[in-house]
N, C-alpha and C. Protein backbone atom coordinates (compact mmCIF):
# COMPACT_ATOMS: atom_id res chain seq x y z
N MET A 1 -16.92 5.03 -8.08
CA MET A 1 -15.89 3.84 -8.57
C MET A 1 -16.47 3.16 -9.30
N SER A 2 -15.34 2.32 -10.19
CA SER A 2 -15.53 1.13 -10.88
C SER A 2 -15.77 -0.37 -10.17
N PHE A 3 -16.84 -1.06 -10.90
CA PHE A 3 -16.70 -2.18 -10.33
C PHE A 3 -15.81 -2.95 -10.77
N VAL A 4 -15.54 -2.67 -12.08
CA VAL A 4 -13.90 -3.89 -12.70
C VAL A 4 -12.98 -3.61 -11.51
N ASN A 5 -12.83 -2.56 -10.92
CA ASN A 5 -11.67 -2.06 -10.48
C ASN A 5 -11.73 -2.74 -8.35
N VAL A 6 -13.07 -3.86 -8.34
CA VAL A 6 -13.17 -4.37 -7.14
C VAL A 6 -12.06 -5.18 -6.45
N ALA A 7 -11.70 -5.93 -7.57
CA ALA A 7 -10.89 -6.78 -7.25
C ALA A 7 -9.12 -6.26 -6.86
N SER A 8 -9.34 -5.07 -7.62
CA SER A 8 -7.49 -4.49 -7.18
C SER A 8 -7.70 -3.91 -6.07
N ILE A 9 -9.04 -3.18 -5.98
CA ILE A 9 -8.97 -2.54 -4.33
C ILE A 9 -8.29 -3.52 -3.14
N LEU A 10 -9.04 -4.41 -3.24
CA LEU A 10 -9.17 -5.09 -2.51
C LEU A 10 -7.58 -6.09 -2.41
N ASN A 11 -7.01 -5.63 -3.04
CA ASN A 11 -5.91 -6.70 -3.33
C ASN A 11 -4.71 -5.99 -3.29
N SER A 12 -4.95 -4.21 -2.58
CA SER A 12 -4.14 -3.16 -1.94
C SER A 12 -3.68 -3.24 -0.12
N ASN A 13 -3.53 -2.50 0.43
CA ASN A 13 -3.06 -2.08 1.37
C ASN A 13 -3.62 -1.77 2.17
N TYR A 14 -4.85 -0.69 1.57
CA TYR A 14 -5.88 -0.01 1.75
C TYR A 14 -7.22 -1.04 1.81
N ALA A 15 -7.11 -2.35 1.95
CA ALA A 15 -8.75 -2.68 1.68
C ALA A 15 -9.58 -2.70 2.59
N LEU A 16 -9.04 -2.91 3.60
CA LEU A 16 -10.03 -3.02 4.40
C LEU A 16 -10.83 -1.59 5.46
N ALA A 17 -9.66 -0.99 4.91
CA ALA A 17 -10.29 0.67 5.10
C ALA A 17 -11.10 1.25 4.52
N ILE A 18 -11.19 0.63 2.96
CA ILE A 18 -12.15 0.84 1.87
C ILE A 18 -12.91 0.25 2.30
N VAL A 19 -12.92 -0.78 2.41
CA VAL A 19 -14.36 -1.50 2.48
C VAL A 19 -15.22 -1.16 3.89
N PHE A 20 -14.62 -0.80 4.30
CA PHE A 20 -15.82 0.03 5.64
C PHE A 20 -16.32 1.56 5.44
N ALA A 21 -15.24 2.06 4.53
CA ALA A 21 -15.44 3.32 4.61
C ALA A 21 -17.06 3.13 3.63
N ILE A 22 -16.57 2.66 2.82
CA ILE A 22 -18.17 2.24 2.00
C ILE A 22 -19.14 1.99 2.50
N LEU A 23 -18.80 1.27 3.17
CA LEU A 23 -19.96 0.40 4.40
C LEU A 23 -20.91 1.87 4.80
N ALA A 24 -20.07 2.17 5.68
CA ALA A 24 -20.33 3.62 6.27
C ALA A 24 -21.23 4.89 5.68
N LEU A 25 -20.32 5.28 4.27
CA LEU A 25 -20.72 6.19 3.98
C LEU A 25 -22.11 5.79 3.25
N GLU A 26 -22.33 4.26 2.48
CA GLU A 26 -23.56 4.06 1.60
C GLU A 26 -24.71 4.04 2.63
N THR A 27 -24.66 3.84 4.04
CA THR A 27 -25.29 3.16 4.74
C THR A 27 -25.74 4.55 5.50
N GLY A 28 -25.06 5.28 5.92
CA GLY A 28 -25.12 6.74 6.67
C GLY A 28 -25.31 8.22 5.74
N LEU A 29 -25.36 8.32 4.09
CA LEU A 29 -25.28 9.22 3.73
C LEU A 29 -26.63 9.30 2.30
N PRO A 30 -27.79 9.67 2.49
CA PRO A 30 -28.17 9.49 1.57
C PRO A 30 -27.99 10.46 0.28
N LEU A 31 -26.65 11.26 0.37
CA LEU A 31 -26.33 11.85 -0.52
C LEU A 31 -25.51 10.87 -1.74
N VAL A 32 -24.94 9.66 -1.03
CA VAL A 32 -23.94 8.89 -1.84
C VAL A 32 -24.63 7.43 -1.96
N ILE A 33 -25.48 7.08 -2.98
CA ILE A 33 -26.51 6.28 -3.41
C ILE A 33 -25.88 5.59 -4.85
N GLY A 34 -25.75 3.93 -4.26
CA GLY A 34 -25.42 3.24 -5.62
C GLY A 34 -24.18 2.81 -5.40
N LEU A 35 -23.42 2.93 -4.10
CA LEU A 35 -21.90 2.06 -3.47
C LEU A 35 -22.36 0.82 -3.51
N PRO A 36 -21.06 0.06 -4.05
CA PRO A 36 -20.50 -1.13 -4.10
C PRO A 36 -20.63 -1.69 -2.47
N GLY A 37 -21.82 -1.98 -2.04
CA GLY A 37 -21.87 -2.74 -0.77
C GLY A 37 -21.72 -3.90 -0.65
N ASP A 38 -23.12 -4.13 -1.33
CA ASP A 38 -22.91 -5.86 -1.41
C ASP A 38 -21.81 -6.62 -2.15
N THR A 39 -21.03 -6.23 -3.29
CA THR A 39 -20.33 -6.26 -4.15
C THR A 39 -19.18 -6.52 -3.42
N LEU A 40 -19.08 -5.51 -2.78
CA LEU A 40 -17.58 -5.63 -1.56
C LEU A 40 -17.67 -6.79 -0.35
N LEU A 41 -18.44 -7.12 -0.13
CA LEU A 41 -18.64 -7.61 0.77
C LEU A 41 -18.91 -9.40 0.80
N ILE A 42 -19.13 -9.40 -0.51
CA ILE A 42 -19.12 -10.81 -1.15
C ILE A 42 -17.50 -10.94 -1.59
N THR A 43 -16.99 -9.97 -2.42
CA THR A 43 -15.86 -10.18 -2.93
C THR A 43 -14.89 -10.27 -1.72
N ALA A 44 -15.03 -9.32 -0.82
CA ALA A 44 -14.05 -9.50 0.36
C ALA A 44 -13.69 -11.44 0.98
N GLY A 45 -15.40 -11.47 1.23
CA GLY A 45 -15.30 -13.26 1.60
C GLY A 45 -14.42 -13.89 0.52
N LEU A 46 -14.91 -13.64 -0.79
CA LEU A 46 -13.82 -14.65 -1.59
C LEU A 46 -12.58 -14.46 -1.26
N PHE A 47 -11.89 -13.11 -0.81
CA PHE A 47 -10.59 -13.03 -0.99
C PHE A 47 -10.06 -13.62 0.23
N ALA A 48 -10.86 -13.63 1.42
CA ALA A 48 -10.62 -14.18 2.81
C ALA A 48 -10.31 -15.75 2.61
N ALA A 49 -10.91 -16.19 1.75
CA ALA A 49 -11.07 -17.43 1.60
C ALA A 49 -9.54 -17.89 0.46
N GLY A 50 -9.36 -16.61 0.28
CA GLY A 50 -7.77 -17.00 -0.52
C GLY A 50 -7.46 -16.56 -2.32
N VAL A 51 -9.32 -16.63 -2.22
CA VAL A 51 -8.94 -16.15 -4.16
C VAL A 51 -8.55 -14.50 -4.19
N GLY A 52 -8.23 -14.92 -5.22
CA GLY A 52 -7.36 -13.36 -5.87
C GLY A 52 -6.37 -12.76 -4.83
N VAL A 53 -5.19 -13.41 -4.38
CA VAL A 53 -4.42 -12.66 -3.11
C VAL A 53 -3.14 -12.98 -3.58
N HIS A 54 -3.06 -13.48 -5.29
CA HIS A 54 -1.75 -13.50 -6.16
C HIS A 54 -2.01 -12.47 -6.76
N GLY A 55 -1.55 -11.49 -6.87
CA GLY A 55 -1.23 -10.39 -7.62
C GLY A 55 -0.89 -10.81 -9.19
N GLN A 56 -0.69 -10.00 -10.06
CA GLN A 56 -0.54 -10.26 -11.60
C GLN A 56 1.32 -11.04 -11.38
N ASN A 57 1.31 -11.81 -12.37
CA ASN A 57 2.44 -11.95 -12.88
C ASN A 57 3.23 -13.19 -11.14
N GLY A 58 2.44 -13.35 -10.80
CA GLY A 58 2.22 -14.27 -9.71
C GLY A 58 2.77 -13.67 -8.22
N SER A 59 2.63 -12.20 -8.54
CA SER A 59 3.10 -11.54 -7.59
C SER A 59 2.09 -12.01 -6.04
N SER A 60 2.66 -12.05 -5.21
CA SER A 60 1.86 -12.04 -3.95
C SER A 60 0.94 -10.98 -3.44
N GLY A 61 -0.69 -10.93 -3.35
CA GLY A 61 -1.34 -9.98 -3.18
C GLY A 61 -1.33 -9.16 -1.58
N HIS A 62 -2.41 -8.57 -1.16
CA HIS A 62 -2.95 -8.17 -0.01
C HIS A 62 -3.77 -9.60 0.53
N HIS A 63 -3.58 -9.98 1.61
CA HIS A 63 -4.49 -11.10 2.49
C HIS A 63 -5.69 -10.16 3.29
N ILE A 64 -7.11 -10.65 3.08
CA ILE A 64 -8.12 -9.92 4.22
C ILE A 64 -8.38 -11.21 4.90
N SER A 65 -8.16 -10.88 6.27
CA SER A 65 -8.45 -11.52 7.25
C SER A 65 -10.31 -11.77 7.56
N ILE A 66 -10.38 -12.94 7.46
CA ILE A 66 -12.04 -12.79 7.69
C ILE A 66 -12.27 -12.92 9.00
N VAL A 67 -11.79 -13.08 9.92
CA VAL A 67 -11.87 -12.34 11.28
C VAL A 67 -12.30 -10.84 11.60
N VAL A 68 -11.20 -9.99 10.96
CA VAL A 68 -11.10 -8.58 10.77
C VAL A 68 -12.83 -8.29 9.98
N VAL A 69 -12.75 -8.70 8.55
CA VAL A 69 -13.80 -8.38 7.80
C VAL A 69 -14.90 -8.67 8.49
N ALA A 70 -15.42 -9.24 8.93
CA ALA A 70 -16.42 -10.31 10.07
C ALA A 70 -16.58 -9.39 10.77
N ILE A 71 -16.14 -8.81 11.72
CA ILE A 71 -16.22 -8.03 12.71
C ILE A 71 -16.37 -6.58 12.40
N GLY A 72 -15.67 -6.20 12.14
CA GLY A 72 -15.31 -4.83 11.46
C GLY A 72 -16.88 -4.44 10.49
N SER A 73 -17.17 -4.87 9.50
CA SER A 73 -18.13 -4.38 8.45
C SER A 73 -19.39 -3.83 9.31
N PRO A 74 -20.05 -4.75 9.96
CA PRO A 74 -20.86 -4.78 10.98
C PRO A 74 -20.88 -3.63 11.83
N ILE A 75 -19.65 -3.32 12.02
CA ILE A 75 -19.40 -2.05 13.15
C ILE A 75 -19.53 -1.03 12.18
N PHE A 76 -18.96 -0.77 11.01
CA PHE A 76 -19.05 0.68 10.32
C PHE A 76 -20.60 0.71 9.69
N GLY A 77 -20.75 -0.45 8.94
CA GLY A 77 -22.06 -0.15 8.96
C GLY A 77 -23.58 0.19 9.70
N PHE A 78 -23.17 -0.23 10.91
CA PHE A 78 -23.93 0.15 12.23
C PHE A 78 -24.04 1.62 12.50
N LEU A 79 -22.72 1.88 12.33
CA LEU A 79 -22.25 3.09 12.80
C LEU A 79 -22.47 3.97 11.16
N GLY A 80 -22.79 4.00 10.49
CA GLY A 80 -23.50 4.79 9.47
C GLY A 80 -24.50 5.33 9.67
N SER A 81 -25.48 3.94 9.30
CA SER A 81 -26.64 4.23 9.84
C SER A 81 -27.18 4.79 10.72
N GLN A 82 -26.53 4.69 12.28
CA GLN A 82 -27.05 5.69 13.31
C GLN A 82 -26.75 7.10 12.71
N PHE A 83 -25.95 7.57 11.88
CA PHE A 83 -25.64 8.67 11.38
C PHE A 83 -26.31 9.25 10.63
N GLY A 84 -27.08 8.08 9.87
CA GLY A 84 -28.05 8.30 8.80
C GLY A 84 -29.44 8.39 9.77
N HIS A 85 -29.68 8.51 10.54
CA HIS A 85 -30.70 7.83 10.66
C HIS A 85 -31.19 9.71 11.91
N TRP A 86 -29.63 10.16 12.43
CA TRP A 86 -29.65 11.18 12.80
C TRP A 86 -29.51 12.90 11.94
N PHE A 87 -29.34 12.20 11.09
CA PHE A 87 -29.01 13.40 10.18
C PHE A 87 -30.91 13.41 9.17
N GLY A 88 -31.32 12.33 9.38
CA GLY A 88 -32.62 12.63 8.42
C GLY A 88 -32.99 13.48 9.53
N GLY A 89 -33.48 12.98 10.81
CA GLY A 89 -33.71 13.65 11.87
C GLY A 89 -33.62 14.93 12.15
N ARG A 90 -32.58 15.43 11.60
CA ARG A 90 -32.46 16.81 12.12
C ARG A 90 -31.92 17.90 10.72
N TYR A 91 -31.79 16.72 9.21
CA TYR A 91 -30.94 17.84 7.82
C TYR A 91 -32.79 17.41 7.39
N GLY A 92 -33.15 16.15 7.36
CA GLY A 92 -33.84 15.41 6.34
C GLY A 92 -35.18 16.05 5.80
N THR A 93 -35.85 17.04 6.55
CA THR A 93 -37.08 17.30 6.38
C THR A 93 -36.59 18.84 4.92
N LYS A 94 -35.43 19.40 4.76
CA LYS A 94 -34.93 20.53 4.37
C LYS A 94 -34.61 19.82 2.96
N LEU A 95 -34.09 18.37 3.23
CA LEU A 95 -33.15 17.86 2.20
C LEU A 95 -34.33 17.10 1.54
N PHE A 96 -35.24 17.12 1.62
CA PHE A 96 -36.30 16.24 1.17
C PHE A 96 -37.19 16.72 0.52
N SER A 97 -37.29 18.26 0.63
CA SER A 97 -37.92 19.16 -0.12
C SER A 97 -38.17 19.57 -1.16
N ARG A 98 -37.02 19.11 -2.22
CA ARG A 98 -37.06 19.32 -3.60
C ARG A 98 -38.21 18.22 -4.28
N GLU A 99 -39.10 18.76 -4.86
CA GLU A 99 -40.09 18.13 -5.84
C GLU A 99 -39.35 17.35 -6.29
N LYS A 100 -38.68 18.21 -7.63
CA LYS A 100 -38.31 17.40 -8.56
C LYS A 100 -36.87 17.07 -8.61
N SER A 101 -36.22 16.49 -7.66
CA SER A 101 -35.29 15.62 -7.25
C SER A 101 -36.15 14.34 -7.33
N ARG A 102 -35.04 13.66 -8.20
CA ARG A 102 -34.83 11.97 -8.49
C ARG A 102 -35.07 11.46 -7.18
N PHE A 103 -34.18 11.48 -6.22
CA PHE A 103 -34.21 11.04 -4.99
C PHE A 103 -34.92 11.47 -3.64
N PHE A 104 -34.41 12.76 -3.86
CA PHE A 104 -34.87 13.32 -2.54
C PHE A 104 -36.19 14.46 -2.80
N ASN A 105 -36.74 13.64 -2.51
CA ASN A 105 -38.33 14.55 -2.97
C ASN A 105 -39.33 14.30 -1.81
N ALA A 106 -40.65 14.69 -1.57
CA ALA A 106 -41.63 13.97 -0.81
C ALA A 106 -42.11 13.02 -0.83
N GLU A 107 -42.06 12.73 -1.55
CA GLU A 107 -43.23 11.48 -2.71
C GLU A 107 -42.18 10.64 -1.60
N LYS A 108 -40.48 10.42 -1.48
CA LYS A 108 -39.58 9.25 -1.14
C LYS A 108 -40.39 8.89 0.97
N ILE A 109 -40.30 10.54 1.17
CA ILE A 109 -40.89 10.54 2.35
C ILE A 109 -42.16 9.43 2.83
N ARG A 110 -43.54 10.17 1.54
CA ARG A 110 -44.87 9.25 1.72
C ARG A 110 -44.19 8.07 1.64
N SER A 111 -43.51 7.37 0.77
CA SER A 111 -43.19 5.90 0.02
C SER A 111 -42.50 5.39 1.47
N ALA A 112 -41.56 6.10 2.46
CA ALA A 112 -40.94 5.66 3.66
C ALA A 112 -41.96 5.31 4.39
N GLU A 113 -42.98 6.23 4.58
CA GLU A 113 -43.67 6.21 5.74
C GLU A 113 -44.70 4.89 5.26
N ARG A 114 -45.30 4.27 3.61
CA ARG A 114 -46.07 3.52 3.56
C ARG A 114 -45.34 1.27 3.60
N TYR A 115 -44.20 2.46 3.08
CA TYR A 115 -43.10 0.86 3.51
C TYR A 115 -43.12 0.61 5.13
N MET A 116 -42.56 1.48 5.99
CA MET A 116 -42.77 0.52 6.96
C MET A 116 -43.89 0.61 7.55
N VAL A 117 -45.29 1.18 7.38
CA VAL A 117 -46.67 0.93 7.86
C VAL A 117 -46.88 -0.91 7.32
N LYS A 118 -46.13 -0.77 5.72
CA LYS A 118 -46.55 -2.12 5.35
C LYS A 118 -45.37 -3.15 6.16
N TYR A 119 -44.15 -3.35 6.40
CA TYR A 119 -43.76 -4.49 6.59
C TYR A 119 -43.02 -3.97 8.19
N GLY A 120 -43.60 -3.24 9.00
CA GLY A 120 -42.86 -2.90 10.51
C GLY A 120 -41.51 -2.24 10.26
N VAL A 121 -41.69 -1.73 11.75
CA VAL A 121 -40.18 -0.91 11.55
C VAL A 121 -39.25 -2.04 11.28
N GLY A 122 -39.22 -2.80 12.19
CA GLY A 122 -37.91 -3.77 12.35
C GLY A 122 -37.41 -4.52 10.64
N LYS A 123 -38.99 -5.24 10.23
CA LYS A 123 -38.86 -5.73 9.28
C LYS A 123 -38.14 -4.99 8.05
N ALA A 124 -38.46 -3.52 7.76
CA ALA A 124 -38.05 -2.59 7.04
C ALA A 124 -36.77 -2.43 6.73
N ILE A 125 -36.77 -2.21 8.09
CA ILE A 125 -34.84 -1.39 8.04
C ILE A 125 -34.06 -2.46 8.33
N ILE A 126 -34.12 -4.25 8.39
CA ILE A 126 -33.51 -4.92 7.79
C ILE A 126 -33.51 -5.66 6.60
N LEU A 127 -34.73 -5.08 5.71
CA LEU A 127 -34.81 -5.55 4.63
C LEU A 127 -34.82 -4.60 3.17
N GLY A 128 -34.23 -3.61 4.37
CA GLY A 128 -33.54 -2.35 3.35
C GLY A 128 -32.35 -2.62 2.90
N ARG A 129 -31.72 -3.21 3.70
CA ARG A 129 -30.37 -3.50 3.75
C ARG A 129 -29.85 -3.94 2.62
N PHE A 130 -30.61 -4.70 2.14
CA PHE A 130 -30.32 -6.04 0.89
C PHE A 130 -30.89 -5.42 -0.68
N ILE A 131 -30.92 -3.79 -0.10
CA ILE A 131 -31.99 -2.58 -1.63
C ILE A 131 -30.35 -1.62 -1.80
N PRO A 132 -29.97 -1.73 -2.84
CA PRO A 132 -29.35 -0.81 -2.79
C PRO A 132 -29.78 0.79 -3.01
N VAL A 133 -30.54 1.17 -3.70
CA VAL A 133 -31.30 2.32 -3.22
C VAL A 133 -31.78 2.79 -1.95
N VAL A 134 -32.39 1.91 -1.34
CA VAL A 134 -33.75 2.03 -0.13
C VAL A 134 -32.28 1.50 0.68
N ARG A 135 -31.03 0.84 0.61
CA ARG A 135 -30.18 1.04 1.77
C ARG A 135 -29.59 2.21 2.09
N GLY A 136 -29.58 3.50 1.07
CA GLY A 136 -28.91 4.59 1.30
C GLY A 136 -30.12 5.51 1.40
N LEU A 137 -31.17 5.12 1.56
CA LEU A 137 -32.15 6.14 2.14
C LEU A 137 -33.08 5.64 3.03
N ILE A 138 -33.48 4.43 3.67
CA ILE A 138 -34.16 4.37 4.51
C ILE A 138 -33.75 4.26 6.19
N ASN A 139 -32.48 5.04 6.37
CA ASN A 139 -32.21 4.75 7.42
C ASN A 139 -32.51 6.55 7.64
N PRO A 140 -31.96 7.57 6.76
CA PRO A 140 -32.46 9.15 6.74
C PRO A 140 -33.60 9.17 7.08
N LEU A 141 -34.58 8.59 6.59
CA LEU A 141 -36.18 8.18 6.48
C LEU A 141 -36.42 8.23 7.48
N ALA A 142 -36.35 6.86 8.33
CA ALA A 142 -36.59 6.65 9.48
C ALA A 142 -36.35 7.67 10.32
N GLY A 143 -35.20 8.57 10.68
CA GLY A 143 -35.30 9.64 11.68
C GLY A 143 -36.51 10.60 11.03
N MET A 144 -36.57 10.64 9.93
CA MET A 144 -37.25 12.03 9.17
C MET A 144 -38.67 11.32 10.01
N VAL A 145 -38.92 10.12 10.08
CA VAL A 145 -40.02 10.18 9.71
C VAL A 145 -40.32 9.47 12.00
N ARG A 146 -39.56 10.02 12.29
CA ARG A 146 -39.64 10.14 14.05
C ARG A 146 -39.54 8.47 14.22
N VAL A 147 -38.95 7.69 13.93
CA VAL A 147 -38.74 6.35 14.36
C VAL A 147 -37.92 6.49 15.63
N PRO A 148 -38.12 6.06 16.90
CA PRO A 148 -37.60 6.18 18.15
C PRO A 148 -36.11 5.71 17.85
N LEU A 149 -35.10 6.80 18.53
CA LEU A 149 -34.28 5.81 18.62
C LEU A 149 -33.43 4.74 19.37
N GLY A 150 -33.87 4.19 19.41
CA GLY A 150 -33.56 3.18 20.40
C GLY A 150 -34.31 1.67 19.95
N GLU A 151 -35.46 2.12 19.45
CA GLU A 151 -36.32 1.28 18.85
C GLU A 151 -35.40 0.82 16.90
N PHE A 152 -35.18 1.68 16.62
CA PHE A 152 -33.92 2.19 15.66
C PHE A 152 -32.80 1.28 15.50
N THR A 153 -32.15 1.81 16.94
CA THR A 153 -30.99 1.03 17.15
C THR A 153 -30.88 -0.06 17.21
N LYS A 154 -32.13 -0.44 17.50
CA LYS A 154 -32.32 -1.99 18.17
C LYS A 154 -32.41 -2.80 16.81
N TRP A 155 -32.91 -2.49 15.43
CA TRP A 155 -33.31 -3.30 14.18
C TRP A 155 -31.64 -2.53 13.81
N ASN A 156 -31.28 -1.24 13.69
CA ASN A 156 -30.00 -1.07 13.09
C ASN A 156 -28.83 -2.30 13.33
N PHE A 157 -29.19 -2.52 14.90
CA PHE A 157 -27.49 -3.03 14.94
C PHE A 157 -28.04 -4.97 14.40
N ILE A 158 -29.29 -5.16 14.24
CA ILE A 158 -29.62 -6.87 13.99
C ILE A 158 -29.56 -6.74 12.49
N GLY A 159 -30.18 -5.51 11.47
CA GLY A 159 -29.68 -5.71 10.63
C GLY A 159 -28.63 -5.33 9.79
N SER A 160 -27.37 -4.96 10.31
CA SER A 160 -25.83 -5.12 9.98
C SER A 160 -25.60 -6.28 10.15
N ILE A 161 -25.66 -7.07 10.93
CA ILE A 161 -25.43 -8.36 11.62
C ILE A 161 -25.53 -9.49 9.90
N VAL A 162 -26.89 -9.44 9.77
CA VAL A 162 -27.71 -10.05 8.81
C VAL A 162 -27.20 -10.20 7.71
N TRP A 163 -26.89 -8.64 7.57
CA TRP A 163 -26.88 -8.16 5.79
C TRP A 163 -25.44 -8.68 5.36
N THR A 164 -24.64 -7.95 6.52
CA THR A 164 -23.12 -8.31 6.53
C THR A 164 -22.63 -9.34 6.21
N GLN A 165 -22.62 -10.25 7.51
CA GLN A 165 -22.55 -11.98 7.69
C GLN A 165 -22.53 -12.33 6.26
N SER A 166 -23.96 -11.86 6.10
CA SER A 166 -24.62 -12.92 4.79
C SER A 166 -23.98 -12.82 3.71
N PHE A 167 -23.75 -11.54 3.58
CA PHE A 167 -22.76 -11.64 1.78
C PHE A 167 -21.18 -12.00 2.27
N ILE A 168 -20.62 -11.43 3.10
CA ILE A 168 -19.52 -12.20 3.40
C ILE A 168 -19.02 -13.42 3.76
N TRP A 169 -19.60 -14.62 4.87
CA TRP A 169 -19.38 -15.74 4.55
C TRP A 169 -20.13 -16.86 3.91
N GLY A 170 -21.03 -15.74 2.57
CA GLY A 170 -21.49 -16.79 1.59
C GLY A 170 -20.49 -16.67 0.65
N GLY A 171 -19.54 -15.31 0.58
CA GLY A 171 -18.65 -15.41 -0.31
C GLY A 171 -17.34 -16.38 0.43
N TYR A 172 -16.93 -16.20 1.20
CA TYR A 172 -16.18 -17.38 2.20
C TYR A 172 -16.38 -18.72 1.36
N VAL A 173 -17.63 -19.15 1.95
CA VAL A 173 -17.70 -20.51 1.60
C VAL A 173 -17.60 -20.76 0.33
N ILE A 174 -18.27 -20.13 -0.53
CA ILE A 174 -18.18 -20.44 -1.85
C ILE A 174 -16.41 -20.31 -2.43
N GLY A 175 -15.83 -19.19 -1.99
CA GLY A 175 -14.51 -18.99 -2.40
C GLY A 175 -13.60 -20.35 -2.05
N ASN A 176 -14.21 -20.96 -0.66
CA ASN A 176 -13.20 -22.02 -0.37
C ASN A 176 -13.74 -23.60 -1.00
N THR A 177 -15.03 -23.31 -1.26
CA THR A 177 -15.11 -24.54 -2.40
C THR A 177 -14.76 -25.00 -3.38
N PHE A 178 -14.91 -23.24 -4.23
CA PHE A 178 -14.30 -23.69 -5.69
C PHE A 178 -13.43 -22.22 -5.72
N ALA A 179 -12.61 -22.01 -5.23
CA ALA A 179 -11.24 -21.31 -5.44
C ALA A 179 -10.48 -20.98 -7.01
N ASP A 180 -10.05 -22.49 -6.76
CA ASP A 180 -9.42 -22.83 -8.52
C ASP A 180 -10.34 -22.19 -9.70
N THR A 181 -11.35 -22.64 -9.42
CA THR A 181 -12.66 -22.32 -10.60
C THR A 181 -12.70 -20.65 -10.72
N ILE A 182 -13.19 -19.74 -9.22
CA ILE A 182 -13.44 -18.57 -9.23
C ILE A 182 -11.82 -17.76 -9.36
N SER A 183 -10.78 -18.31 -9.18
CA SER A 183 -9.66 -17.49 -9.67
C SER A 183 -9.65 -17.44 -10.95
N LYS A 184 -10.08 -18.00 -11.69
CA LYS A 184 -9.62 -17.96 -13.09
C LYS A 184 -10.56 -17.31 -13.64
N TYR A 185 -11.44 -17.06 -13.30
CA TYR A 185 -12.49 -16.21 -13.74
C TYR A 185 -13.02 -15.20 -12.92
N LEU A 186 -12.16 -14.77 -11.88
CA LEU A 186 -12.47 -13.32 -11.04
C LEU A 186 -13.06 -12.37 -10.95
N THR A 187 -12.52 -11.97 -12.29
CA THR A 187 -13.13 -10.32 -13.14
C THR A 187 -14.62 -10.59 -13.65
N TYR A 188 -14.81 -11.89 -14.19
CA TYR A 188 -15.98 -11.94 -14.95
C TYR A 188 -17.53 -12.28 -13.68
N ILE A 189 -16.80 -12.68 -12.61
CA ILE A 189 -17.46 -13.06 -11.63
C ILE A 189 -17.89 -12.12 -10.71
N ILE A 190 -17.19 -11.01 -10.44
CA ILE A 190 -17.32 -10.14 -10.07
C ILE A 190 -18.05 -9.06 -10.73
N LEU A 191 -17.94 -8.63 -11.94
CA LEU A 191 -18.76 -7.93 -12.73
C LEU A 191 -20.38 -8.82 -12.62
N THR A 192 -20.69 -9.86 -12.90
CA THR A 192 -21.61 -10.58 -12.38
C THR A 192 -22.38 -9.94 -10.97
N ILE A 193 -21.41 -10.19 -9.98
CA ILE A 193 -22.08 -9.92 -9.24
C ILE A 193 -23.14 -8.17 -8.92
N ALA A 194 -22.08 -7.52 -9.11
CA ALA A 194 -22.37 -6.11 -9.36
C ALA A 194 -23.22 -5.77 -10.16
N GLY A 195 -23.71 -6.63 -11.68
CA GLY A 195 -24.57 -6.60 -12.51
C GLY A 195 -25.59 -6.81 -11.68
N VAL A 196 -26.05 -7.56 -10.62
CA VAL A 196 -26.84 -8.25 -10.17
C VAL A 196 -27.10 -7.41 -9.14
N THR A 197 -26.71 -6.88 -8.07
CA THR A 197 -26.84 -6.36 -6.99
C THR A 197 -27.31 -4.72 -7.43
N ILE A 198 -27.09 -4.30 -8.96
CA ILE A 198 -27.23 -3.06 -9.10
C ILE A 198 -28.80 -2.97 -9.65
N ILE A 199 -29.40 -4.24 -10.07
CA ILE A 199 -30.19 -4.25 -10.63
C ILE A 199 -31.42 -3.39 -9.99
N PRO A 200 -31.50 -3.24 -8.76
CA PRO A 200 -32.72 -2.39 -8.09
C PRO A 200 -32.43 -1.22 -8.22
N LEU A 201 -31.08 -0.58 -8.38
CA LEU A 201 -30.73 0.84 -8.72
C LEU A 201 -31.40 0.87 -9.88
N ALA A 202 -30.81 0.53 -10.66
CA ALA A 202 -30.98 0.31 -12.17
C ALA A 202 -32.78 0.61 -12.52
N LEU A 203 -33.67 -0.19 -11.75
CA LEU A 203 -34.97 -0.57 -11.61
C LEU A 203 -35.84 0.61 -11.00
N GLU A 204 -35.18 1.71 -10.10
CA GLU A 204 -35.63 2.91 -9.39
C GLU A 204 -34.97 3.52 -10.56
N ILE A 205 -34.27 4.01 -10.81
CA ILE A 205 -33.79 5.15 -12.34
C ILE A 205 -35.15 5.06 -13.59
N PHE A 206 -35.26 3.43 -13.81
CA PHE A 206 -36.56 3.42 -15.16
C PHE A 206 -37.41 4.10 -14.90
N LYS A 207 -37.98 3.51 -13.42
CA LYS A 207 -39.11 3.62 -12.70
C LYS A 207 -39.72 5.36 -13.06
N GLU A 208 -38.27 6.15 -12.31
CA GLU A 208 -38.55 7.59 -12.55
C GLU A 208 -38.44 8.17 -13.79
N TRP A 209 -37.85 7.62 -14.37
CA TRP A 209 -37.50 8.10 -16.25
C TRP A 209 -39.03 7.95 -16.55
N ARG A 210 -39.85 6.30 -16.51
CA ARG A 210 -40.99 6.20 -16.77
C ARG A 210 -41.90 7.56 -16.26
N SER A 211 -42.01 7.47 -15.33
CA SER A 211 -42.67 8.33 -14.58
C SER A 211 -42.52 10.22 -14.87
N ARG A 212 -41.74 10.40 -15.14
CA ARG A 212 -41.28 11.63 -15.42
C ARG A 212 -41.69 11.76 -17.01
N LYS A 213 -41.55 10.78 -17.67
CA LYS A 213 -41.76 10.69 -19.30
C LYS A 213 -43.80 10.72 -19.30
N HIS A 214 -44.20 10.35 -18.57
CA HIS A 214 -45.61 9.79 -18.69
C HIS A 214 -45.93 10.98 -18.60
N LEU A 215 -45.82 12.00 -17.11
CA LEU A 215 -46.27 13.47 -16.75
C LEU A 215 -45.37 14.70 -17.83
N SER A 216 -44.75 14.10 -18.58
CA SER A 216 -44.62 15.60 -19.37
C SER A 216 -44.84 15.46 -20.76
């Protein structure tokens, strides 16, 4: 998905379905890394505030309900993560056994264990929501390192709410406060948001590239 088309997607009749599906995929499947979850949440908040509800040539666009997006987003993020935990516990060992893979190698398992030891399970799961690369890996890896389902579910529930609500309501408040200015520069603002949220993914890829270059 192109970040440039985020506004068009959120102005469609399938806006909420797309947002919820991406949240579930991004948090549930380690095979899908780098989806624009943060960007979609912020932009959904902006659109719910009335920014971008008018289409081209002054035509009426699709309105997003702040209530529906604020309730639905954590639910689908939670369900996706629960699936990720199950998937990691069931199939993760086989998936992360490829030493030459960029994201799915045994070192990722060791990194996840160190990450959880350093921050504790709760903080690791919650903070992991805010990092694009970690967001797609932390839940399956938690299943792989046998984080108990009850403990994982508790922190997953909290993390889903904190992550989604902070971005959605942040976008909503900003949209209500600066609606006219944001509407004029909406495309550039979305691109800026996308650029900022993708920085961790770019850094991870760069670190991997440097590591491979050093070893070659």
